[in-house]
Every structure is written in C-alpha cells, then in structure tokens.
C-alpha cells in the first residue's frame, strides 16, 4: 500500500503545484495610486520623519561597478576615485535596521523641508488601493545593485534610517521598515517612477541617469 502511494507521489506533487500556481495567477497586483490621506502633520510624527534633523539624497559607487575607463575594474574605492565621470567625495559607513552599509558617495544633496514633505508624501500616500493579497508573491529582481539612497540623520548626525534604491531593477528597501513600505517596491506601479523624478528634481543624476 505504501509503495503504491509512493508511485503516485510525482503525480500528486504536479497536481499540487498546478493548483497553487493557478490560484496565484488569478490574483492581480493591487492598483496603486494616491490613495493615502495622511497630512504633513500626520506624516511628521511617523518614523523616521519624527526623529530626523537632516535628510540627504546620495548616489554612491558600489564595489561591483565597472569603471568605463575612469578607474581600473574592481578598484579599491577611496575619496578622490573617479567613476563614470564622478568623483568619490566621501565614505559613509553605518549600521541601521540590522544592516551594515558602506557607501562611497559621489553626490549628496540636503533636502529642504518642502522636499522632505514631498518625499514623505510619496512614501506614505502612494499606496495600494486595497491591502496586498496575503501570500501573494511579489516581483523579483535578478540584479539588485543599488546606487542611490535617502539617509535620515538624527540630531547627533547619526544615520537612523536608510531608504536604499536600485533604479535599474526597480527595487527599494527602507531599513528599518515600520510601515511595510518594502511590500510594494517592485509591484506598485508608478512608485519607482515617482522616486526617479524626485531624485532628478533634486539634482541627483548618478544612478537614475546611468541606469
């Protein structure tokens, strides 16, 4: 009897996978848009905006980038190294949300309060119209290689949160993520485009333009 069940095991697995795949294929990614209603005052009491004294947009050169003639491949980055016509102006290392980060920064812009309010609006008000279906698989990237980030600094100039962005693959991760922003970074149509336009408006070109 056990032997007969074992003989049928491959068929059982195939049937299970077919049912599982069909169930998910019938689920559509949520419609995303300006469905949030949080005011500036409400967003300002949400982390990380309730703790920051300064917000920076940065672009950085990763160690796995190729130099395109400005520096040898696999170069040991340092201040002064040139990459794609940009010069590394500083190194910033920090740990946030359990992640260790080390950025060789080539561009950095401090945001005005008006721009901070615009960023928080994108992060908290551009959301799915309905809750994300429980267990629904999200888009997967095969090349997460970020070159941009939003750094949130406290009164001691320490990085307390980092919103890291890969424009080439459409991935963005906030660390720490208290409000599940990371749930929608791949499949929430328009979210990455808003971030792209925001970085360009703030004069950050390395990353958005290169990728």
N, C-alpha and C. Protein backbone atom coordinates (compact mmCIF):
# COMPACT_ATOMS: atom_id res chain seq x y z
N UNK A 1 0.83 -1.20 0.00
CA UNK A 1 0.00 0.00 0.00
C UNK A 1 0.87 1.26 0.00
N UNK A 2 1.89 1.30 0.86
CA UNK A 2 2.79 2.44 0.92
C UNK A 2 3.50 2.61 -0.41
N UNK A 3 3.88 1.48 -1.01
CA UNK A 3 4.57 1.51 -2.29
C UNK A 3 3.71 2.17 -3.36
N UNK A 4 2.40 1.83 -3.38
CA UNK A 4 1.50 2.41 -4.37
C UNK A 4 1.39 3.92 -4.20
N UNK A 5 1.33 4.37 -2.93
CA UNK A 5 1.28 5.81 -2.67
C UNK A 5 2.55 6.49 -3.15
N UNK A 6 3.69 5.82 -2.95
CA UNK A 6 4.97 6.39 -3.38
C UNK A 6 5.02 6.51 -4.89
N UNK A 7 4.44 5.52 -5.59
CA UNK A 7 4.43 5.57 -7.04
C UNK A 7 3.63 6.78 -7.54
N UNK A 8 2.61 7.14 -6.79
CA UNK A 8 1.74 8.25 -7.20
C UNK A 8 2.25 9.61 -6.73
N UNK A 9 3.36 9.62 -5.96
CA UNK A 9 3.85 10.86 -5.36
C UNK A 9 4.18 11.92 -6.41
N UNK A 10 4.89 11.60 -7.51
CA UNK A 10 5.17 12.64 -8.51
C UNK A 10 3.90 13.27 -9.07
N UNK A 11 2.87 12.45 -9.31
CA UNK A 11 1.62 12.98 -9.83
C UNK A 11 0.95 13.90 -8.83
N UNK A 12 1.00 13.51 -7.56
CA UNK A 12 0.41 14.34 -6.51
C UNK A 12 1.10 15.69 -6.44
N UNK A 13 2.42 15.70 -6.55
CA UNK A 13 3.19 16.94 -6.49
C UNK A 13 2.83 17.84 -7.67
N UNK A 14 2.72 17.24 -8.86
CA UNK A 14 2.39 18.01 -10.06
C UNK A 14 1.02 18.66 -9.92
N UNK A 15 0.05 17.89 -9.43
CA UNK A 15 -1.30 18.42 -9.25
C UNK A 15 -1.29 19.56 -8.24
N UNK A 16 -0.57 19.37 -7.15
CA UNK A 16 -0.49 20.42 -6.11
C UNK A 16 0.10 21.70 -6.67
N UNK A 17 1.21 21.60 -7.42
CA UNK A 17 1.84 22.78 -7.98
C UNK A 17 0.94 23.48 -8.99
N UNK A 18 0.19 22.69 -9.75
CA UNK A 18 -0.71 23.28 -10.74
C UNK A 18 -1.81 24.09 -10.05
N UNK A 19 -2.37 23.53 -8.98
CA UNK A 19 -3.42 24.23 -8.24
C UNK A 19 -2.87 25.49 -7.59
N UNK A 20 -1.67 25.38 -7.00
CA UNK A 20 -1.02 26.51 -6.32
C UNK A 20 -0.75 27.64 -7.30
N UNK A 21 -0.19 27.28 -8.48
CA UNK A 21 0.15 28.29 -9.48
C UNK A 21 -1.10 28.96 -10.02
N UNK A 22 -2.15 28.18 -10.28
CA UNK A 22 -3.39 28.74 -10.79
C UNK A 22 -4.01 29.72 -9.81
N UNK A 23 -3.95 29.37 -8.54
CA UNK A 23 -4.53 30.24 -7.51
C UNK A 23 -3.85 31.60 -7.50
N UNK A 24 -2.52 31.61 -7.60
CA UNK A 24 -1.80 32.87 -7.57
C UNK A 24 -1.94 33.64 -8.88
N UNK A 25 -2.05 32.89 -10.00
CA UNK A 25 -2.16 33.58 -11.27
C UNK A 25 -3.47 34.35 -11.37
N UNK A 26 -4.47 33.95 -10.58
CA UNK A 26 -5.75 34.63 -10.61
C UNK A 26 -5.76 35.88 -9.73
N UNK A 27 -4.71 36.04 -8.93
CA UNK A 27 -4.60 37.24 -8.11
C UNK A 27 -3.83 38.31 -8.88
N UNK A 28 -4.34 39.49 -8.88
CA UNK A 28 -3.69 40.59 -9.56
C UNK A 28 -3.02 41.49 -8.54
N UNK A 29 -1.90 42.08 -8.96
CA UNK A 29 -1.24 43.04 -8.08
C UNK A 29 -2.19 44.20 -7.83
N UNK A 30 -2.21 44.73 -6.63
CA UNK A 30 -3.14 45.81 -6.30
C UNK A 30 -2.92 47.04 -7.17
N UNK A 31 -3.99 47.75 -7.39
CA UNK A 31 -3.90 49.02 -8.08
C UNK A 31 -3.32 50.05 -7.12
N UNK A 32 -2.24 50.71 -7.53
CA UNK A 32 -1.58 51.67 -6.64
C UNK A 32 -1.79 53.09 -7.14
N UNK A 33 -1.85 54.02 -6.22
CA UNK A 33 -2.03 55.42 -6.58
C UNK A 33 -2.05 56.29 -5.33
N UNK A 34 -2.53 57.51 -5.48
CA UNK A 34 -2.56 58.44 -4.36
C UNK A 34 -3.79 58.17 -3.50
N UNK A 35 -3.81 56.99 -2.89
CA UNK A 35 -4.94 56.59 -2.06
C UNK A 35 -4.72 56.91 -0.58
N UNK A 36 -3.52 57.26 -0.20
CA UNK A 36 -3.26 57.64 1.18
C UNK A 36 -3.80 59.04 1.47
N UNK A 37 -4.13 59.29 2.71
CA UNK A 37 -4.71 60.58 3.08
C UNK A 37 -3.97 61.25 4.24
N UNK A 38 -2.78 60.78 4.55
CA UNK A 38 -2.04 61.33 5.68
C UNK A 38 -1.57 62.75 5.38
N UNK A 39 -1.84 63.65 6.28
CA UNK A 39 -1.41 65.03 6.14
C UNK A 39 0.07 65.16 6.49
N UNK A 40 0.64 66.32 6.20
CA UNK A 40 2.04 66.57 6.56
C UNK A 40 2.24 66.39 8.06
N UNK A 41 1.31 66.92 8.85
CA UNK A 41 1.42 66.80 10.31
C UNK A 41 1.39 65.34 10.75
N UNK A 42 0.55 64.55 10.11
CA UNK A 42 0.48 63.13 10.47
C UNK A 42 1.74 62.39 10.04
N UNK A 43 2.27 62.73 8.89
CA UNK A 43 3.50 62.06 8.41
C UNK A 43 4.70 62.45 9.25
N UNK A 44 4.69 63.66 9.77
CA UNK A 44 5.83 64.13 10.56
C UNK A 44 5.96 63.46 11.91
N UNK A 45 4.93 62.75 12.37
CA UNK A 45 5.04 62.03 13.63
C UNK A 45 5.28 60.53 13.39
N UNK A 46 5.52 60.17 12.13
CA UNK A 46 5.81 58.78 11.78
C UNK A 46 7.32 58.62 11.58
N UNK A 47 7.84 57.47 12.01
CA UNK A 47 9.27 57.20 11.81
C UNK A 47 9.55 56.99 10.33
N UNK A 48 10.66 57.50 9.82
CA UNK A 48 11.75 58.18 10.52
C UNK A 48 11.62 59.70 10.59
N UNK A 49 10.53 60.25 10.03
CA UNK A 49 10.42 61.71 9.93
C UNK A 49 10.26 62.37 11.30
N UNK A 50 9.83 61.61 12.29
CA UNK A 50 9.67 62.18 13.63
C UNK A 50 10.99 62.27 14.39
N UNK A 51 12.05 61.68 13.85
CA UNK A 51 13.34 61.65 14.56
C UNK A 51 14.46 62.39 13.83
N UNK A 52 14.20 62.82 12.60
CA UNK A 52 15.31 63.34 11.79
C UNK A 52 15.54 64.83 12.00
N UNK A 53 16.79 65.21 11.85
CA UNK A 53 17.18 66.61 11.80
C UNK A 53 17.70 66.99 10.41
N UNK A 54 18.04 65.96 9.63
CA UNK A 54 18.55 66.20 8.29
C UNK A 54 18.24 64.99 7.42
N UNK A 55 17.85 65.25 6.17
CA UNK A 55 17.59 64.18 5.21
C UNK A 55 18.47 64.43 3.99
N UNK A 56 19.23 63.41 3.59
CA UNK A 56 20.15 63.52 2.47
C UNK A 56 19.78 62.55 1.36
N UNK A 57 19.85 63.03 0.12
CA UNK A 57 19.83 62.14 -1.03
C UNK A 57 21.26 61.91 -1.44
N UNK A 58 21.63 60.65 -1.68
CA UNK A 58 23.00 60.35 -2.08
C UNK A 58 23.02 59.40 -3.26
N UNK A 59 24.10 59.48 -4.02
CA UNK A 59 24.43 58.45 -5.00
C UNK A 59 25.82 57.94 -4.64
N UNK A 60 26.04 56.67 -4.89
CA UNK A 60 27.31 56.08 -4.45
C UNK A 60 27.79 55.04 -5.45
N UNK A 61 29.09 54.82 -5.44
CA UNK A 61 29.73 53.85 -6.34
C UNK A 61 29.92 52.54 -5.58
N UNK A 62 29.29 51.50 -6.10
CA UNK A 62 29.46 50.17 -5.48
C UNK A 62 30.76 49.52 -5.95
N UNK A 63 31.26 48.59 -5.15
CA UNK A 63 32.49 47.90 -5.49
C UNK A 63 32.38 46.99 -6.69
N UNK A 64 31.16 46.61 -7.04
CA UNK A 64 30.99 45.69 -8.17
C UNK A 64 30.71 46.44 -9.47
N UNK A 65 30.79 47.76 -9.46
CA UNK A 65 30.62 48.51 -10.69
C UNK A 65 31.88 48.45 -11.52
N UNK A 66 31.75 48.58 -12.83
CA UNK A 66 32.90 48.67 -13.71
C UNK A 66 33.19 50.13 -14.01
N UNK A 67 34.43 50.40 -14.31
CA UNK A 67 34.88 51.78 -14.29
C UNK A 67 34.66 52.55 -15.59
N UNK A 68 34.54 51.85 -16.72
CA UNK A 68 34.36 52.53 -18.01
C UNK A 68 35.51 53.49 -18.30
N UNK A 69 36.72 53.12 -17.87
CA UNK A 69 37.90 53.89 -18.23
C UNK A 69 38.36 54.89 -17.19
N UNK A 70 37.52 55.25 -16.24
CA UNK A 70 37.93 56.25 -15.25
C UNK A 70 38.81 55.65 -14.16
N UNK A 71 38.68 54.36 -13.92
CA UNK A 71 39.46 53.69 -12.89
C UNK A 71 39.51 52.21 -13.23
N UNK A 72 40.51 51.49 -12.72
CA UNK A 72 40.59 50.06 -13.02
C UNK A 72 39.37 49.31 -12.50
N UNK A 73 38.97 48.24 -13.20
CA UNK A 73 37.90 47.39 -12.70
C UNK A 73 38.28 46.85 -11.33
N UNK A 74 37.25 46.63 -10.48
CA UNK A 74 37.46 46.12 -9.12
C UNK A 74 38.37 47.05 -8.32
N UNK A 75 38.30 48.35 -8.61
CA UNK A 75 39.13 49.32 -7.92
C UNK A 75 38.78 49.36 -6.44
N UNK A 76 39.77 49.63 -5.60
CA UNK A 76 39.53 49.85 -4.18
C UNK A 76 39.11 51.31 -4.02
N UNK A 77 37.83 51.54 -3.84
CA UNK A 77 37.32 52.90 -3.83
C UNK A 77 37.85 53.68 -2.63
N UNK A 78 38.08 54.95 -2.87
CA UNK A 78 38.50 55.87 -1.81
C UNK A 78 38.14 57.27 -2.26
N UNK A 79 38.20 58.21 -1.36
CA UNK A 79 37.91 59.60 -1.70
C UNK A 79 38.86 60.05 -2.80
N UNK A 80 38.32 60.61 -3.85
CA UNK A 80 39.12 61.05 -4.99
C UNK A 80 39.05 60.14 -6.19
N UNK A 81 38.64 58.88 -5.99
CA UNK A 81 38.48 57.97 -7.11
C UNK A 81 37.40 58.48 -8.05
N UNK A 82 37.64 58.41 -9.36
CA UNK A 82 36.66 58.84 -10.34
C UNK A 82 35.98 57.62 -10.94
N UNK A 83 34.65 57.73 -11.10
CA UNK A 83 33.87 56.63 -11.65
C UNK A 83 32.77 57.22 -12.52
N UNK A 84 32.76 56.85 -13.80
CA UNK A 84 31.78 57.41 -14.75
C UNK A 84 31.73 58.93 -14.70
N UNK A 85 32.89 59.54 -14.61
CA UNK A 85 32.96 60.99 -14.63
C UNK A 85 32.64 61.66 -13.31
N UNK A 86 32.35 60.87 -12.27
CA UNK A 86 32.06 61.43 -10.95
C UNK A 86 33.18 61.07 -9.98
N UNK A 87 33.43 61.97 -9.05
CA UNK A 87 34.49 61.74 -8.07
C UNK A 87 33.89 61.36 -6.72
N UNK A 88 34.48 60.34 -6.08
CA UNK A 88 34.06 59.98 -4.73
C UNK A 88 34.42 61.11 -3.79
N UNK A 89 33.41 61.67 -3.12
CA UNK A 89 33.65 62.84 -2.28
C UNK A 89 33.73 62.49 -0.80
N UNK A 90 33.18 61.33 -0.42
CA UNK A 90 33.27 60.91 0.97
C UNK A 90 32.88 59.44 1.11
N UNK A 91 33.28 58.85 2.21
CA UNK A 91 32.86 57.49 2.56
C UNK A 91 31.97 57.58 3.79
N UNK A 92 30.87 56.86 3.75
CA UNK A 92 29.97 56.85 4.90
C UNK A 92 29.64 55.40 5.26
N UNK A 93 29.94 55.01 6.49
CA UNK A 93 29.65 53.66 6.98
C UNK A 93 28.71 53.76 8.17
N UNK A 94 27.74 52.86 8.23
CA UNK A 94 26.78 52.88 9.33
C UNK A 94 26.05 51.54 9.38
N UNK A 95 25.40 51.30 10.50
CA UNK A 95 24.56 50.12 10.67
C UNK A 95 23.17 50.60 11.04
N UNK A 96 22.17 50.10 10.32
CA UNK A 96 20.79 50.52 10.57
C UNK A 96 19.86 49.36 10.25
N UNK A 97 18.91 49.13 11.14
CA UNK A 97 17.96 48.06 10.93
C UNK A 97 18.60 46.70 10.82
N UNK A 98 19.75 46.52 11.45
CA UNK A 98 20.46 45.25 11.39
C UNK A 98 21.32 45.08 10.15
N UNK A 99 21.40 46.10 9.30
CA UNK A 99 22.18 46.02 8.07
C UNK A 99 23.40 46.94 8.16
N UNK A 100 24.55 46.42 7.79
CA UNK A 100 25.76 47.23 7.72
C UNK A 100 25.90 47.79 6.32
N UNK A 101 26.11 49.10 6.24
CA UNK A 101 26.22 49.76 4.95
C UNK A 101 27.54 50.53 4.86
N UNK A 102 28.08 50.56 3.65
CA UNK A 102 29.29 51.33 3.38
C UNK A 102 29.15 51.94 1.99
N UNK A 103 29.02 53.24 1.94
CA UNK A 103 28.78 53.94 0.68
C UNK A 103 29.98 54.83 0.35
N UNK A 104 30.44 54.74 -0.89
CA UNK A 104 31.42 55.68 -1.41
C UNK A 104 30.63 56.70 -2.24
N UNK A 105 30.38 57.84 -1.63
CA UNK A 105 29.40 58.80 -2.14
C UNK A 105 30.01 59.70 -3.22
N UNK A 106 29.27 59.84 -4.32
CA UNK A 106 29.70 60.72 -5.41
C UNK A 106 28.80 61.94 -5.55
N UNK A 107 27.60 61.88 -5.00
CA UNK A 107 26.69 63.03 -4.99
C UNK A 107 25.93 63.04 -3.67
N UNK A 108 25.67 64.23 -3.15
CA UNK A 108 24.92 64.35 -1.90
C UNK A 108 24.16 65.67 -1.90
N UNK A 109 22.87 65.60 -1.61
CA UNK A 109 22.04 66.79 -1.56
C UNK A 109 21.20 66.78 -0.28
N UNK A 110 21.25 67.88 0.46
CA UNK A 110 20.42 68.03 1.64
C UNK A 110 19.04 68.53 1.21
N UNK A 111 18.00 67.90 1.74
CA UNK A 111 16.64 68.27 1.35
C UNK A 111 16.12 69.43 2.19
N UNK A 112 15.39 70.31 1.53
CA UNK A 112 14.66 71.36 2.23
C UNK A 112 13.44 70.74 2.91
N UNK A 113 12.79 71.49 3.78
CA UNK A 113 11.60 70.97 4.44
C UNK A 113 10.50 70.69 3.43
N UNK A 114 10.40 71.52 2.42
CA UNK A 114 9.40 71.30 1.38
C UNK A 114 9.64 69.98 0.66
N UNK A 115 10.91 69.69 0.37
CA UNK A 115 11.24 68.44 -0.32
C UNK A 115 11.05 67.24 0.60
N UNK A 116 11.34 67.41 1.90
CA UNK A 116 11.10 66.33 2.86
C UNK A 116 9.62 65.98 2.91
N UNK A 117 8.78 67.01 2.88
CA UNK A 117 7.33 66.77 2.89
C UNK A 117 6.89 66.05 1.61
N UNK A 118 7.51 66.40 0.49
CA UNK A 118 7.19 65.73 -0.78
C UNK A 118 7.60 64.26 -0.73
N UNK A 119 8.76 63.99 -0.15
CA UNK A 119 9.24 62.60 -0.03
C UNK A 119 8.32 61.79 0.87
N UNK A 120 7.94 62.32 2.01
CA UNK A 120 7.06 61.58 2.91
C UNK A 120 5.71 61.33 2.28
N UNK A 121 5.27 62.25 1.43
CA UNK A 121 4.01 62.06 0.72
C UNK A 121 4.10 60.85 -0.22
N UNK A 122 5.20 60.73 -0.95
CA UNK A 122 5.40 59.58 -1.83
C UNK A 122 5.44 58.29 -1.03
N UNK A 123 6.17 58.31 0.07
CA UNK A 123 6.39 57.09 0.85
C UNK A 123 5.12 56.60 1.55
N UNK A 124 4.29 57.52 2.01
CA UNK A 124 3.15 57.12 2.84
C UNK A 124 1.78 57.27 2.18
N UNK A 125 1.70 58.01 1.09
CA UNK A 125 0.39 58.23 0.48
C UNK A 125 0.23 57.61 -0.91
N UNK A 126 1.34 57.20 -1.54
CA UNK A 126 1.22 56.47 -2.80
C UNK A 126 1.20 54.98 -2.45
N UNK A 127 0.02 54.41 -2.34
CA UNK A 127 -0.15 53.09 -1.75
C UNK A 127 -1.14 52.26 -2.55
N UNK A 128 -1.22 50.94 -2.27
CA UNK A 128 -2.25 50.12 -2.93
C UNK A 128 -3.64 50.59 -2.53
N UNK A 129 -4.57 50.49 -3.46
CA UNK A 129 -5.95 50.87 -3.18
C UNK A 129 -6.58 49.93 -2.16
N UNK A 130 -6.19 48.66 -2.20
CA UNK A 130 -6.66 47.65 -1.26
C UNK A 130 -5.44 46.95 -0.68
N UNK A 131 -5.59 46.32 0.49
CA UNK A 131 -4.47 45.61 1.09
C UNK A 131 -3.87 44.58 0.14
N UNK A 132 -2.56 44.41 0.22
CA UNK A 132 -1.87 43.42 -0.60
C UNK A 132 -2.41 42.03 -0.28
N UNK A 133 -2.77 41.22 -1.29
CA UNK A 133 -3.29 39.87 -1.01
C UNK A 133 -2.30 39.06 -0.18
N UNK A 134 -2.77 38.47 0.89
CA UNK A 134 -1.91 37.71 1.78
C UNK A 134 -1.28 36.53 1.03
N UNK A 135 0.04 36.43 1.12
CA UNK A 135 0.74 35.33 0.50
C UNK A 135 1.02 35.52 -0.97
N UNK A 136 0.62 36.67 -1.54
CA UNK A 136 0.85 36.89 -2.96
C UNK A 136 2.32 37.13 -3.22
N UNK A 137 2.94 36.36 -4.15
CA UNK A 137 4.36 36.58 -4.46
C UNK A 137 4.55 37.92 -5.13
N UNK A 138 5.64 38.61 -4.79
CA UNK A 138 5.91 39.92 -5.36
C UNK A 138 6.97 39.79 -6.44
N UNK A 139 7.15 40.88 -7.21
CA UNK A 139 8.15 40.88 -8.26
C UNK A 139 9.53 40.60 -7.70
N UNK A 140 10.33 39.91 -8.47
CA UNK A 140 11.67 39.54 -8.03
C UNK A 140 12.69 40.13 -8.99
N UNK A 141 13.71 40.72 -8.45
CA UNK A 141 14.76 41.27 -9.28
C UNK A 141 15.93 40.32 -9.38
N UNK A 142 16.60 40.31 -10.53
CA UNK A 142 17.77 39.45 -10.69
C UNK A 142 19.05 40.25 -10.63
N UNK A 143 18.96 41.54 -10.29
CA UNK A 143 20.19 42.36 -10.36
C UNK A 143 20.16 43.49 -9.35
N UNK A 144 19.82 43.23 -8.12
CA UNK A 144 19.75 44.32 -7.14
C UNK A 144 21.15 44.86 -6.90
N UNK A 145 21.41 46.03 -7.45
CA UNK A 145 22.73 46.66 -7.41
C UNK A 145 22.52 48.15 -7.22
N UNK A 146 22.15 48.57 -6.01
CA UNK A 146 21.72 49.96 -5.79
C UNK A 146 22.86 50.96 -5.87
N UNK A 147 22.53 52.17 -6.31
CA UNK A 147 23.49 53.27 -6.34
C UNK A 147 22.93 54.55 -5.74
N UNK A 148 21.76 54.45 -5.12
CA UNK A 148 21.13 55.64 -4.54
C UNK A 148 20.49 55.31 -3.20
N UNK A 149 20.35 56.33 -2.38
CA UNK A 149 19.70 56.13 -1.08
C UNK A 149 19.24 57.47 -0.52
N UNK A 150 18.26 57.37 0.37
CA UNK A 150 17.86 58.51 1.20
C UNK A 150 18.36 58.19 2.60
N UNK A 151 19.15 59.09 3.17
CA UNK A 151 19.69 58.89 4.51
C UNK A 151 18.99 59.84 5.47
N UNK A 152 18.51 59.28 6.58
CA UNK A 152 17.81 60.05 7.60
C UNK A 152 18.73 60.17 8.81
N UNK A 153 19.12 61.39 9.16
CA UNK A 153 20.08 61.63 10.24
C UNK A 153 19.40 62.29 11.43
N UNK A 154 19.82 61.89 12.63
CA UNK A 154 19.27 62.48 13.84
C UNK A 154 20.09 63.69 14.27
N UNK A 155 19.79 64.21 15.46
CA UNK A 155 20.47 65.42 15.93
C UNK A 155 21.95 65.20 16.19
N UNK A 156 22.37 63.93 16.35
CA UNK A 156 23.78 63.61 16.53
C UNK A 156 24.47 63.29 15.22
N UNK A 157 23.78 63.53 14.10
CA UNK A 157 24.28 63.29 12.75
C UNK A 157 24.51 61.81 12.47
N UNK A 158 23.80 60.95 13.22
CA UNK A 158 23.87 59.52 13.00
C UNK A 158 22.74 59.09 12.07
N UNK A 159 23.02 58.14 11.20
CA UNK A 159 22.00 57.62 10.29
C UNK A 159 21.07 56.70 11.08
N UNK A 160 19.79 57.06 11.15
CA UNK A 160 18.83 56.24 11.90
C UNK A 160 17.92 55.45 10.98
N UNK A 161 17.92 55.79 9.68
CA UNK A 161 17.14 55.03 8.69
C UNK A 161 17.76 55.26 7.33
N UNK A 162 17.59 54.26 6.47
CA UNK A 162 18.16 54.32 5.13
C UNK A 162 17.15 53.76 4.14
N UNK A 163 16.82 54.53 3.13
CA UNK A 163 15.91 54.09 2.06
C UNK A 163 16.77 53.89 0.83
N UNK A 164 17.16 52.64 0.58
CA UNK A 164 18.10 52.30 -0.48
C UNK A 164 17.36 51.94 -1.76
N UNK A 165 17.86 52.44 -2.90
CA UNK A 165 17.11 52.34 -4.15
C UNK A 165 18.00 51.84 -5.29
N UNK A 166 17.46 50.90 -6.05
CA UNK A 166 18.10 50.42 -7.28
C UNK A 166 17.17 50.75 -8.44
N UNK A 167 17.48 51.82 -9.18
CA UNK A 167 16.61 52.23 -10.26
C UNK A 167 16.66 51.27 -11.45
N UNK A 168 17.76 50.53 -11.60
CA UNK A 168 17.88 49.64 -12.75
C UNK A 168 16.95 48.44 -12.64
N UNK A 169 16.66 47.98 -11.41
CA UNK A 169 15.82 46.80 -11.26
C UNK A 169 14.47 47.11 -10.63
N UNK A 170 14.30 48.32 -10.14
CA UNK A 170 13.01 48.69 -9.56
C UNK A 170 12.84 48.25 -8.13
N UNK A 171 13.93 48.12 -7.41
CA UNK A 171 13.85 47.70 -6.00
C UNK A 171 14.22 48.84 -5.07
N UNK A 172 13.51 48.96 -3.96
CA UNK A 172 13.81 49.97 -2.95
C UNK A 172 13.49 49.40 -1.58
N UNK A 173 14.41 49.57 -0.64
CA UNK A 173 14.23 48.99 0.69
C UNK A 173 14.49 50.03 1.77
N UNK A 174 13.53 50.18 2.66
CA UNK A 174 13.68 51.06 3.82
C UNK A 174 14.11 50.21 5.01
N UNK A 175 15.16 50.66 5.69
CA UNK A 175 15.64 49.98 6.90
C UNK A 175 15.76 51.00 8.03
N UNK A 176 15.10 50.77 9.16
CA UNK A 176 14.06 49.75 9.39
C UNK A 176 12.75 50.17 8.73
N UNK A 177 11.90 49.18 8.48
CA UNK A 177 10.64 49.41 7.77
C UNK A 177 9.47 49.20 8.72
N UNK A 178 9.07 50.24 9.41
CA UNK A 178 8.00 50.14 10.40
C UNK A 178 6.60 50.12 9.78
N UNK A 179 6.49 50.51 8.51
CA UNK A 179 5.16 50.67 7.90
C UNK A 179 4.98 49.84 6.63
N UNK A 180 5.82 48.81 6.46
CA UNK A 180 5.68 47.87 5.34
C UNK A 180 5.77 48.55 3.98
N UNK A 181 6.59 49.57 3.89
CA UNK A 181 6.83 50.21 2.60
C UNK A 181 7.48 49.23 1.63
N UNK A 182 8.33 48.35 2.14
CA UNK A 182 9.05 47.41 1.28
C UNK A 182 8.13 46.42 0.58
N UNK A 183 6.91 46.27 1.07
CA UNK A 183 5.98 45.32 0.45
C UNK A 183 5.57 45.73 -0.96
N UNK A 184 5.71 47.00 -1.30
CA UNK A 184 5.19 47.45 -2.58
C UNK A 184 6.26 47.98 -3.52
N UNK A 185 7.55 47.79 -3.20
CA UNK A 185 8.54 48.48 -4.00
C UNK A 185 8.69 47.94 -5.42
N UNK A 186 8.38 46.64 -5.67
CA UNK A 186 8.54 46.11 -7.01
C UNK A 186 7.26 46.18 -7.84
N UNK A 187 6.13 45.88 -7.23
CA UNK A 187 4.91 45.69 -8.00
C UNK A 187 3.92 46.84 -7.91
N UNK A 188 4.22 47.87 -7.17
CA UNK A 188 3.30 49.01 -7.04
C UNK A 188 3.60 49.99 -8.17
N UNK A 189 2.85 49.86 -9.26
CA UNK A 189 3.11 50.65 -10.45
C UNK A 189 3.18 52.14 -10.18
N UNK A 190 4.23 52.78 -10.66
CA UNK A 190 4.39 54.22 -10.52
C UNK A 190 5.24 54.65 -9.35
N UNK A 191 5.42 53.78 -8.35
CA UNK A 191 6.16 54.14 -7.14
C UNK A 191 7.61 54.50 -7.47
N UNK A 192 8.29 53.63 -8.25
CA UNK A 192 9.67 53.90 -8.60
C UNK A 192 9.80 55.11 -9.51
N UNK A 193 8.83 55.33 -10.37
CA UNK A 193 8.88 56.49 -11.25
C UNK A 193 8.81 57.79 -10.45
N UNK A 194 8.00 57.80 -9.40
CA UNK A 194 7.92 58.97 -8.54
C UNK A 194 9.26 59.23 -7.85
N UNK A 195 9.91 58.17 -7.39
CA UNK A 195 11.22 58.32 -6.76
C UNK A 195 12.26 58.80 -7.76
N UNK A 196 12.21 58.23 -8.97
CA UNK A 196 13.14 58.64 -10.03
C UNK A 196 13.00 60.14 -10.31
N UNK A 197 11.78 60.60 -10.50
CA UNK A 197 11.54 62.03 -10.79
C UNK A 197 11.97 62.90 -9.61
N UNK A 198 11.77 62.40 -8.41
CA UNK A 198 12.15 63.16 -7.21
C UNK A 198 13.67 63.33 -7.15
N UNK A 199 14.42 62.26 -7.38
CA UNK A 199 15.88 62.35 -7.36
C UNK A 199 16.38 63.29 -8.45
N UNK A 200 15.80 63.21 -9.64
CA UNK A 200 16.22 64.07 -10.73
C UNK A 200 15.94 65.54 -10.39
N UNK A 201 14.79 65.80 -9.79
CA UNK A 201 14.45 67.18 -9.42
C UNK A 201 15.43 67.75 -8.41
N UNK A 202 15.95 66.87 -7.55
CA UNK A 202 16.88 67.30 -6.52
C UNK A 202 18.34 67.25 -7.00
N UNK A 203 18.53 67.12 -8.32
CA UNK A 203 19.85 67.22 -8.95
C UNK A 203 20.76 66.02 -8.69
N UNK A 204 20.17 64.86 -8.36
CA UNK A 204 20.94 63.63 -8.25
C UNK A 204 20.83 62.90 -9.59
N UNK A 205 21.96 62.74 -10.29
CA UNK A 205 21.93 62.15 -11.63
C UNK A 205 22.64 60.80 -11.69
N UNK A 206 23.64 60.59 -10.85
CA UNK A 206 24.36 59.32 -10.88
C UNK A 206 23.46 58.24 -10.27
N UNK A 207 23.13 57.26 -11.05
CA UNK A 207 22.15 56.25 -10.63
C UNK A 207 20.95 56.34 -11.54
N UNK A 208 20.11 57.36 -11.39
CA UNK A 208 18.97 57.48 -12.29
C UNK A 208 19.36 57.58 -13.76
N UNK A 209 20.35 58.44 -14.08
CA UNK A 209 20.75 58.61 -15.48
C UNK A 209 21.59 57.43 -15.98
N UNK A 210 22.52 56.97 -15.14
CA UNK A 210 23.44 55.91 -15.57
C UNK A 210 22.71 54.61 -15.81
N UNK A 211 21.65 54.35 -15.02
CA UNK A 211 20.98 53.05 -15.09
C UNK A 211 19.77 53.11 -16.01
